[in-house]
């Protein structure tokens, strides 16, 4: 789901979370939001879910929610598989053509997201000292071509990994 950005799998997972509500997407969204609030990942004002894929324009998400999710997963039993689930520059997935031939290869694992006028990149990176860190960028309401936004995101990633 993450590496290749498979929206069908994301929607199916959300329906499964909504099993108590007839396997509905709204029920799954309600369950996911409740779980994230329960675990301190979000509050009522920084997350609104309408679907599992992120394709609904009614979804509202603060970058701090993504940072909290990344931290929670990284600090859980899933830590060892975190990087395998995400795309890598030059590797399989949505970063196949991004950051190729740069120091980001082998040091960045991320999830992309895009709608017209919105472009996101969130994930993990290995700092120059070997420590792992998380990042989240969500850019909205721009009037330039999305390739320019992606280029800015890529430049920011390169600056971050040198920290």
N, C-alpha and C. Protein backbone atom coordinates (compact mmCIF):
# COMPACT_ATOMS: atom_id res chain seq x y z
N UNK A 1 0.83 -1.19 0.00
CA UNK A 1 0.00 0.00 0.00
C UNK A 1 0.88 1.26 0.00
N UNK A 2 1.88 1.31 0.84
CA UNK A 2 2.70 2.51 0.95
C UNK A 2 3.64 2.70 -0.23
N UNK A 3 4.46 1.68 -0.49
CA UNK A 3 5.51 1.80 -1.50
C UNK A 3 4.96 2.17 -2.88
N UNK A 4 3.91 1.48 -3.29
CA UNK A 4 3.36 1.71 -4.63
C UNK A 4 2.12 2.60 -4.61
N UNK A 5 1.76 3.09 -3.44
CA UNK A 5 0.61 3.98 -3.28
C UNK A 5 -0.66 3.33 -3.83
N UNK A 6 -0.95 2.15 -3.33
CA UNK A 6 -2.11 1.38 -3.79
C UNK A 6 -3.37 1.85 -3.06
N UNK A 7 -4.17 2.67 -3.73
CA UNK A 7 -5.37 3.24 -3.13
C UNK A 7 -6.43 2.18 -2.83
N UNK A 8 -6.51 1.15 -3.64
CA UNK A 8 -7.49 0.08 -3.42
C UNK A 8 -7.22 -0.61 -2.08
N UNK A 9 -5.96 -0.92 -1.81
CA UNK A 9 -5.60 -1.58 -0.55
C UNK A 9 -5.91 -0.65 0.62
N UNK A 10 -5.61 0.63 0.48
CA UNK A 10 -5.88 1.59 1.55
C UNK A 10 -7.38 1.64 1.87
N UNK A 11 -8.20 1.66 0.84
CA UNK A 11 -9.66 1.69 1.06
C UNK A 11 -10.15 0.39 1.69
N UNK A 12 -9.59 -0.74 1.25
CA UNK A 12 -9.99 -2.04 1.82
C UNK A 12 -9.60 -2.13 3.29
N UNK A 13 -8.44 -1.61 3.64
CA UNK A 13 -8.01 -1.63 5.05
C UNK A 13 -8.94 -0.77 5.90
N UNK A 14 -9.33 0.39 5.36
CA UNK A 14 -10.23 1.25 6.12
C UNK A 14 -11.59 0.59 6.30
N UNK A 15 -12.08 -0.08 5.25
CA UNK A 15 -13.36 -0.82 5.38
C UNK A 15 -13.25 -1.91 6.45
N UNK A 16 -12.11 -2.59 6.49
CA UNK A 16 -11.90 -3.63 7.51
C UNK A 16 -11.93 -3.02 8.91
N UNK A 17 -11.35 -1.83 9.05
CA UNK A 17 -11.39 -1.16 10.35
C UNK A 17 -12.82 -0.78 10.73
N UNK A 18 -13.66 -0.60 9.72
CA UNK A 18 -15.06 -0.25 9.97
C UNK A 18 -15.98 -1.45 10.02
N UNK A 19 -15.43 -2.64 10.27
CA UNK A 19 -16.22 -3.87 10.28
C UNK A 19 -17.39 -3.80 11.25
N UNK A 20 -17.20 -3.12 12.38
CA UNK A 20 -18.30 -2.99 13.34
C UNK A 20 -19.42 -2.10 12.82
N UNK A 21 -19.15 -1.39 11.75
CA UNK A 21 -20.14 -0.49 11.14
C UNK A 21 -20.50 -0.98 9.74
N UNK A 22 -20.56 -2.29 9.56
CA UNK A 22 -20.94 -2.87 8.27
C UNK A 22 -19.85 -2.82 7.22
N UNK A 23 -18.61 -2.64 7.62
CA UNK A 23 -17.50 -2.59 6.66
C UNK A 23 -17.52 -1.32 5.84
N UNK A 24 -18.03 -0.26 6.41
CA UNK A 24 -18.17 0.99 5.66
C UNK A 24 -16.91 1.85 5.76
N UNK A 25 -16.71 2.66 4.75
CA UNK A 25 -15.60 3.61 4.78
C UNK A 25 -15.82 4.65 5.88
N UNK A 26 -17.03 5.23 6.02
CA UNK A 26 -17.22 6.17 7.13
C UNK A 26 -16.98 5.52 8.50
N UNK A 27 -17.40 4.27 8.66
CA UNK A 27 -17.16 3.57 9.92
C UNK A 27 -15.69 3.35 10.17
N UNK A 28 -14.96 3.00 9.12
CA UNK A 28 -13.51 2.82 9.24
C UNK A 28 -12.80 4.12 9.56
N UNK A 29 -13.23 5.19 8.92
CA UNK A 29 -12.63 6.50 9.20
C UNK A 29 -12.87 6.89 10.65
N UNK A 30 -14.06 6.63 11.13
CA UNK A 30 -14.39 6.94 12.53
C UNK A 30 -13.51 6.12 13.47
N UNK A 31 -13.33 4.83 13.17
CA UNK A 31 -12.50 3.96 14.00
C UNK A 31 -11.03 4.40 13.97
N UNK A 32 -10.54 4.75 12.79
CA UNK A 32 -9.14 5.19 12.67
C UNK A 32 -8.90 6.48 13.43
N UNK A 33 -9.80 7.44 13.28
CA UNK A 33 -9.64 8.70 14.00
C UNK A 33 -9.71 8.49 15.50
N UNK A 34 -10.62 7.63 15.96
CA UNK A 34 -10.74 7.35 17.40
C UNK A 34 -9.46 6.70 17.93
N UNK A 35 -8.89 5.77 17.17
CA UNK A 35 -7.67 5.10 17.59
C UNK A 35 -6.51 6.10 17.67
N UNK A 36 -6.41 6.99 16.70
CA UNK A 36 -5.33 7.96 16.72
C UNK A 36 -5.48 8.96 17.86
N UNK A 37 -6.71 9.32 18.17
CA UNK A 37 -6.94 10.20 19.33
C UNK A 37 -6.58 9.46 20.63
N UNK A 38 -7.01 8.21 20.73
CA UNK A 38 -6.75 7.40 21.93
C UNK A 38 -5.25 7.28 22.21
N UNK A 39 -4.46 7.15 21.17
CA UNK A 39 -3.02 6.97 21.33
C UNK A 39 -2.24 8.28 21.27
N UNK A 40 -2.94 9.40 21.28
CA UNK A 40 -2.28 10.70 21.31
C UNK A 40 -1.63 11.13 20.01
N UNK A 41 -2.00 10.48 18.91
CA UNK A 41 -1.42 10.82 17.62
C UNK A 41 -2.11 12.04 17.02
N UNK A 42 -3.38 12.21 17.31
CA UNK A 42 -4.12 13.37 16.80
C UNK A 42 -5.09 13.87 17.85
N UNK A 43 -5.58 15.06 17.59
CA UNK A 43 -6.66 15.61 18.40
C UNK A 43 -7.81 15.89 17.44
N UNK A 44 -8.91 16.33 17.95
CA UNK A 44 -10.08 16.53 17.10
C UNK A 44 -9.90 17.56 16.01
N UNK A 45 -8.97 18.50 16.19
CA UNK A 45 -8.85 19.59 15.23
C UNK A 45 -7.78 19.39 14.17
N UNK A 46 -6.96 18.36 14.25
CA UNK A 46 -5.88 18.23 13.28
C UNK A 46 -6.00 17.01 12.36
N UNK A 47 -7.15 16.32 12.41
CA UNK A 47 -7.36 15.17 11.54
C UNK A 47 -8.85 14.98 11.27
N UNK A 48 -9.20 14.96 10.00
CA UNK A 48 -10.55 14.60 9.55
C UNK A 48 -10.37 13.64 8.38
N UNK A 49 -10.93 12.44 8.52
CA UNK A 49 -10.80 11.42 7.46
C UNK A 49 -12.14 11.15 6.82
N UNK A 50 -12.13 11.07 5.49
CA UNK A 50 -13.32 10.68 4.74
C UNK A 50 -13.08 9.42 3.93
N UNK A 51 -11.81 9.06 3.73
CA UNK A 51 -11.48 7.85 2.99
C UNK A 51 -10.14 7.33 3.46
N UNK A 52 -9.74 6.19 2.94
CA UNK A 52 -8.47 5.59 3.34
C UNK A 52 -7.33 5.92 2.41
N UNK A 53 -7.65 6.33 1.19
CA UNK A 53 -6.62 6.58 0.20
C UNK A 53 -6.07 8.00 0.25
N UNK A 54 -6.80 8.90 0.86
CA UNK A 54 -6.38 10.30 0.87
C UNK A 54 -6.81 11.07 -0.36
N UNK A 55 -7.67 10.47 -1.17
CA UNK A 55 -8.08 11.13 -2.40
C UNK A 55 -9.26 12.09 -2.23
N UNK A 56 -9.95 12.01 -1.11
CA UNK A 56 -11.07 12.92 -0.89
C UNK A 56 -10.53 14.30 -0.52
N UNK A 57 -11.08 15.32 -1.13
CA UNK A 57 -10.69 16.69 -0.79
C UNK A 57 -11.24 17.11 0.57
N UNK A 58 -12.09 16.27 1.16
CA UNK A 58 -12.63 16.55 2.49
C UNK A 58 -11.69 16.11 3.61
N UNK A 59 -10.66 15.34 3.27
CA UNK A 59 -9.67 14.94 4.28
C UNK A 59 -8.90 16.17 4.73
N UNK A 60 -8.66 16.25 6.01
CA UNK A 60 -7.85 17.34 6.58
C UNK A 60 -6.83 16.71 7.50
N UNK A 61 -5.59 17.08 7.31
CA UNK A 61 -4.51 16.43 8.05
C UNK A 61 -3.38 17.43 8.30
N UNK A 62 -2.98 17.56 9.54
CA UNK A 62 -1.84 18.40 9.88
C UNK A 62 -0.56 17.57 9.78
N UNK A 63 0.53 18.15 9.31
CA UNK A 63 1.80 17.40 9.23
C UNK A 63 2.21 16.79 10.57
N UNK A 64 1.86 17.41 11.68
CA UNK A 64 2.24 16.85 12.98
C UNK A 64 1.57 15.49 13.23
N UNK A 65 0.41 15.26 12.61
CA UNK A 65 -0.23 13.94 12.72
C UNK A 65 0.63 12.89 12.02
N UNK A 66 1.11 13.21 10.83
CA UNK A 66 1.98 12.28 10.10
C UNK A 66 3.28 12.05 10.87
N UNK A 67 3.83 13.11 11.45
CA UNK A 67 5.06 12.96 12.26
C UNK A 67 4.79 12.05 13.46
N UNK A 68 3.66 12.23 14.11
CA UNK A 68 3.31 11.38 15.25
C UNK A 68 3.13 9.93 14.83
N UNK A 69 2.50 9.72 13.68
CA UNK A 69 2.34 8.35 13.17
C UNK A 69 3.69 7.70 12.87
N UNK A 70 4.55 8.43 12.19
CA UNK A 70 5.88 7.91 11.87
C UNK A 70 6.63 7.55 13.16
N UNK A 71 6.57 8.43 14.13
CA UNK A 71 7.24 8.18 15.41
C UNK A 71 6.66 6.95 16.10
N UNK A 72 5.32 6.85 16.12
CA UNK A 72 4.68 5.70 16.78
C UNK A 72 5.06 4.39 16.11
N UNK A 73 5.04 4.35 14.79
CA UNK A 73 5.42 3.12 14.09
C UNK A 73 6.89 2.81 14.28
N UNK A 74 7.74 3.83 14.21
CA UNK A 74 9.17 3.61 14.36
C UNK A 74 9.53 3.11 15.76
N UNK A 75 8.79 3.54 16.75
CA UNK A 75 9.04 3.13 18.12
C UNK A 75 8.25 1.89 18.53
N UNK A 76 7.67 1.20 17.57
CA UNK A 76 6.89 0.00 17.85
C UNK A 76 7.63 -1.24 17.32
N UNK A 77 6.98 -2.37 17.43
CA UNK A 77 7.54 -3.62 16.91
C UNK A 77 7.67 -3.58 15.38
N UNK A 78 7.05 -2.60 14.73
CA UNK A 78 7.11 -2.49 13.27
C UNK A 78 8.38 -1.78 12.78
N UNK A 79 9.19 -1.29 13.70
CA UNK A 79 10.38 -0.52 13.36
C UNK A 79 11.23 -1.19 12.29
N UNK A 80 11.49 -2.48 12.46
CA UNK A 80 12.38 -3.18 11.53
C UNK A 80 11.83 -3.24 10.11
N UNK A 81 10.52 -3.17 9.95
CA UNK A 81 9.94 -3.22 8.61
C UNK A 81 9.53 -1.89 8.04
N UNK A 82 9.71 -0.82 8.80
CA UNK A 82 9.25 0.50 8.36
C UNK A 82 9.83 0.90 7.01
N UNK A 83 11.14 0.80 6.87
CA UNK A 83 11.75 1.26 5.63
C UNK A 83 11.37 0.36 4.45
N UNK A 84 11.14 -0.92 4.70
CA UNK A 84 10.75 -1.84 3.62
C UNK A 84 9.36 -1.52 3.08
N UNK A 85 8.51 -0.89 3.90
CA UNK A 85 7.15 -0.58 3.48
C UNK A 85 7.06 0.70 2.64
N UNK A 86 8.10 1.51 2.67
CA UNK A 86 8.05 2.80 1.98
C UNK A 86 8.91 2.81 0.73
N UNK A 87 8.62 3.77 -0.14
CA UNK A 87 9.38 3.94 -1.37
C UNK A 87 10.76 4.51 -1.06
N UNK A 88 11.72 4.18 -1.93
CA UNK A 88 13.09 4.68 -1.81
C UNK A 88 13.48 5.37 -3.10
N UNK A 89 14.29 6.42 -3.03
CA UNK A 89 14.78 7.05 -4.26
C UNK A 89 15.47 6.03 -5.16
N UNK A 90 15.04 6.00 -6.41
CA UNK A 90 15.63 5.08 -7.38
C UNK A 90 15.19 3.64 -7.25
N UNK A 91 14.37 3.33 -6.26
CA UNK A 91 13.91 1.96 -6.03
C UNK A 91 12.48 1.76 -6.49
N UNK A 92 11.93 0.66 -6.07
CA UNK A 92 10.55 0.33 -6.40
C UNK A 92 9.61 1.32 -5.72
N UNK A 93 8.58 1.73 -6.43
CA UNK A 93 7.58 2.59 -5.82
C UNK A 93 7.56 4.01 -6.37
N UNK A 94 6.92 4.89 -5.62
CA UNK A 94 6.64 6.24 -6.11
C UNK A 94 7.85 7.17 -6.13
N UNK A 95 8.98 6.75 -5.58
CA UNK A 95 10.20 7.57 -5.63
C UNK A 95 11.21 7.02 -6.64
N UNK A 96 10.74 6.15 -7.51
CA UNK A 96 11.63 5.50 -8.48
C UNK A 96 12.46 6.49 -9.30
N UNK A 97 11.85 7.63 -9.66
CA UNK A 97 12.55 8.61 -10.50
C UNK A 97 12.96 9.87 -9.74
N UNK A 98 12.80 9.84 -8.43
CA UNK A 98 13.13 11.02 -7.64
C UNK A 98 14.41 10.79 -6.82
N UNK A 99 15.23 11.83 -6.73
CA UNK A 99 16.45 11.82 -5.93
C UNK A 99 17.45 10.75 -6.35
N UNK A 100 17.35 10.30 -7.60
CA UNK A 100 18.25 9.28 -8.13
C UNK A 100 19.65 9.89 -8.31
N UNK A 101 20.66 9.14 -7.90
CA UNK A 101 22.03 9.61 -8.04
C UNK A 101 22.42 10.67 -7.02
N UNK A 102 21.66 10.77 -5.94
CA UNK A 102 21.96 11.74 -4.88
C UNK A 102 22.28 11.00 -3.59
N UNK A 103 22.79 11.72 -2.59
CA UNK A 103 23.05 11.08 -1.29
C UNK A 103 21.79 10.55 -0.60
N UNK A 104 20.61 10.86 -1.13
CA UNK A 104 19.36 10.37 -0.53
C UNK A 104 19.15 8.88 -0.79
N UNK A 105 19.77 8.36 -1.84
CA UNK A 105 19.61 6.94 -2.13
C UNK A 105 20.21 6.12 -0.99
N UNK A 106 19.41 5.20 -0.48
CA UNK A 106 19.83 4.36 0.64
C UNK A 106 19.68 5.03 1.99
N UNK A 107 19.21 6.29 2.00
CA UNK A 107 19.07 7.03 3.26
C UNK A 107 17.69 7.64 3.47
N UNK A 108 16.80 7.52 2.48
CA UNK A 108 15.46 8.11 2.58
C UNK A 108 14.42 7.06 2.23
N UNK A 109 13.37 6.99 3.05
CA UNK A 109 12.25 6.09 2.83
C UNK A 109 11.00 6.92 3.08
N UNK A 110 10.12 7.01 2.08
CA UNK A 110 9.03 7.97 2.20
C UNK A 110 7.76 7.53 1.49
N UNK A 111 6.70 8.24 1.79
CA UNK A 111 5.39 8.07 1.16
C UNK A 111 5.05 9.39 0.49
N UNK A 112 4.66 9.30 -0.77
CA UNK A 112 4.22 10.48 -1.51
C UNK A 112 2.70 10.59 -1.43
N UNK A 113 2.21 11.75 -1.77
CA UNK A 113 0.77 11.97 -1.87
C UNK A 113 0.54 13.17 -2.74
N UNK A 114 -0.45 13.09 -3.62
CA UNK A 114 -0.70 14.23 -4.50
C UNK A 114 -2.15 14.28 -4.96
N UNK A 115 -2.65 15.48 -5.01
CA UNK A 115 -3.91 15.84 -5.64
C UNK A 115 -3.63 17.13 -6.38
N UNK A 116 -4.50 17.55 -7.25
CA UNK A 116 -4.29 18.83 -7.91
C UNK A 116 -4.22 19.93 -6.85
N UNK A 117 -3.10 20.64 -6.83
CA UNK A 117 -2.92 21.72 -5.87
C UNK A 117 -2.43 21.28 -4.51
N UNK A 118 -2.09 20.01 -4.35
CA UNK A 118 -1.57 19.51 -3.07
C UNK A 118 -0.52 18.43 -3.34
N UNK A 119 0.60 18.53 -2.66
CA UNK A 119 1.69 17.59 -2.86
C UNK A 119 2.36 17.33 -1.51
N UNK A 120 2.47 16.07 -1.14
CA UNK A 120 3.03 15.72 0.17
C UNK A 120 4.17 14.71 0.03
N UNK A 121 5.07 14.77 0.98
CA UNK A 121 6.16 13.80 1.08
C UNK A 121 6.48 13.67 2.56
N UNK A 122 6.36 12.46 3.08
CA UNK A 122 6.61 12.21 4.49
C UNK A 122 7.35 10.88 4.64
N UNK A 123 8.24 10.82 5.60
CA UNK A 123 8.95 9.56 5.80
C UNK A 123 10.07 9.65 6.80
N UNK A 124 11.05 8.79 6.60
CA UNK A 124 12.21 8.67 7.47
C UNK A 124 13.47 8.92 6.67
N UNK A 125 14.50 9.40 7.35
CA UNK A 125 15.80 9.55 6.69
C UNK A 125 16.91 9.31 7.69
N UNK A 126 18.04 8.89 7.15
CA UNK A 126 19.22 8.66 7.97
C UNK A 126 20.09 9.91 7.88
N UNK A 127 20.33 10.52 9.03
CA UNK A 127 21.17 11.72 9.09
C UNK A 127 22.62 11.36 8.80
N UNK A 128 23.43 12.39 8.57
CA UNK A 128 24.85 12.15 8.28
C UNK A 128 25.57 11.46 9.44
N UNK A 129 25.06 11.61 10.68
CA UNK A 129 25.68 10.94 11.84
C UNK A 129 25.13 9.52 12.05
N UNK A 130 24.21 9.07 11.17
CA UNK A 130 23.65 7.72 11.26
C UNK A 130 22.34 7.62 12.01
N UNK A 131 21.96 8.67 12.74
CA UNK A 131 20.68 8.67 13.45
C UNK A 131 19.52 8.75 12.46
N UNK A 132 18.41 8.14 12.83
CA UNK A 132 17.20 8.22 12.01
C UNK A 132 16.35 9.39 12.47
N UNK A 133 15.64 10.01 11.53
CA UNK A 133 14.74 11.11 11.83
C UNK A 133 13.54 11.03 10.88
N UNK A 134 12.48 11.71 11.27
CA UNK A 134 11.25 11.73 10.45
C UNK A 134 11.05 13.11 9.88
N UNK A 135 10.28 13.17 8.80
CA UNK A 135 9.94 14.46 8.19
C UNK A 135 8.56 14.37 7.56
N UNK A 136 7.94 15.52 7.39
CA UNK A 136 6.65 15.59 6.72
C UNK A 136 6.50 16.95 6.06
N UNK A 137 6.21 16.93 4.77
CA UNK A 137 5.98 18.17 4.01
C UNK A 137 4.64 18.05 3.30
N UNK A 138 3.77 19.01 3.52
CA UNK A 138 2.51 19.07 2.79
C UNK A 138 2.42 20.48 2.21
N UNK A 139 2.37 20.57 0.89
CA UNK A 139 2.29 21.86 0.22
C UNK A 139 0.95 21.94 -0.50
N UNK A 140 0.22 23.01 -0.22
CA UNK A 140 -1.14 23.19 -0.74
C UNK A 140 -1.30 24.50 -1.49
N UNK A 141 -2.31 24.54 -2.33
CA UNK A 141 -2.77 25.77 -2.98
C UNK A 141 -1.70 26.48 -3.79
N UNK A 142 -0.79 25.75 -4.38
CA UNK A 142 0.23 26.38 -5.21
C UNK A 142 -0.33 26.57 -6.62
N UNK A 143 0.27 27.47 -7.36
CA UNK A 143 -0.20 27.78 -8.71
C UNK A 143 0.81 27.41 -9.78
N UNK A 144 1.91 26.80 -9.38
CA UNK A 144 2.93 26.37 -10.32
C UNK A 144 2.73 24.88 -10.64
N UNK A 145 3.46 24.38 -11.60
CA UNK A 145 3.38 22.95 -11.94
C UNK A 145 3.88 22.12 -10.76
N UNK A 146 3.25 20.98 -10.54
CA UNK A 146 3.60 20.12 -9.40
C UNK A 146 5.04 19.62 -9.48
N UNK A 147 5.63 19.54 -10.67
CA UNK A 147 7.03 19.12 -10.77
C UNK A 147 7.96 20.10 -10.06
N UNK A 148 7.61 21.39 -10.06
CA UNK A 148 8.41 22.37 -9.34
C UNK A 148 8.30 22.14 -7.83
N UNK A 149 7.12 21.81 -7.37
CA UNK A 149 6.91 21.52 -5.94
C UNK A 149 7.72 20.28 -5.55
N UNK A 150 7.68 19.26 -6.38
CA UNK A 150 8.45 18.04 -6.08
C UNK A 150 9.95 18.34 -6.05
N UNK A 151 10.40 19.21 -6.95
CA UNK A 151 11.82 19.59 -6.97
C UNK A 151 12.19 20.32 -5.67
N UNK A 152 11.31 21.17 -5.18
CA UNK A 152 11.55 21.86 -3.90
C UNK A 152 11.59 20.84 -2.77
N UNK A 153 10.66 19.90 -2.76
CA UNK A 153 10.66 18.86 -1.73
C UNK A 153 11.95 18.06 -1.77
N UNK A 154 12.39 17.69 -2.96
CA UNK A 154 13.62 16.91 -3.09
C UNK A 154 14.82 17.70 -2.57
N UNK A 155 14.86 18.99 -2.87
CA UNK A 155 15.96 19.84 -2.39
C UNK A 155 15.95 19.91 -0.86
N UNK A 156 14.76 20.04 -0.27
CA UNK A 156 14.63 20.07 1.18
C UNK A 156 15.10 18.75 1.81
N UNK A 157 14.77 17.63 1.17
CA UNK A 157 15.23 16.33 1.66
C UNK A 157 16.75 16.27 1.65
N UNK A 158 17.36 16.73 0.59
CA UNK A 158 18.83 16.73 0.52
C UNK A 158 19.44 17.61 1.60
N UNK A 159 18.83 18.73 1.90
CA UNK A 159 19.31 19.59 2.97
C UNK A 159 19.16 18.90 4.33
N UNK A 160 18.03 18.21 4.53
CA UNK A 160 17.78 17.53 5.81
C UNK A 160 18.78 16.42 6.09
N UNK A 161 19.09 15.62 5.09
CA UNK A 161 19.97 14.48 5.35
C UNK A 161 21.37 14.91 5.70
N UNK A 162 21.73 16.15 5.38
CA UNK A 162 23.04 16.65 5.75
C UNK A 162 23.12 17.19 7.18
N UNK A 163 21.96 17.23 7.86
CA UNK A 163 21.94 17.75 9.23
C UNK A 163 22.68 16.82 10.18
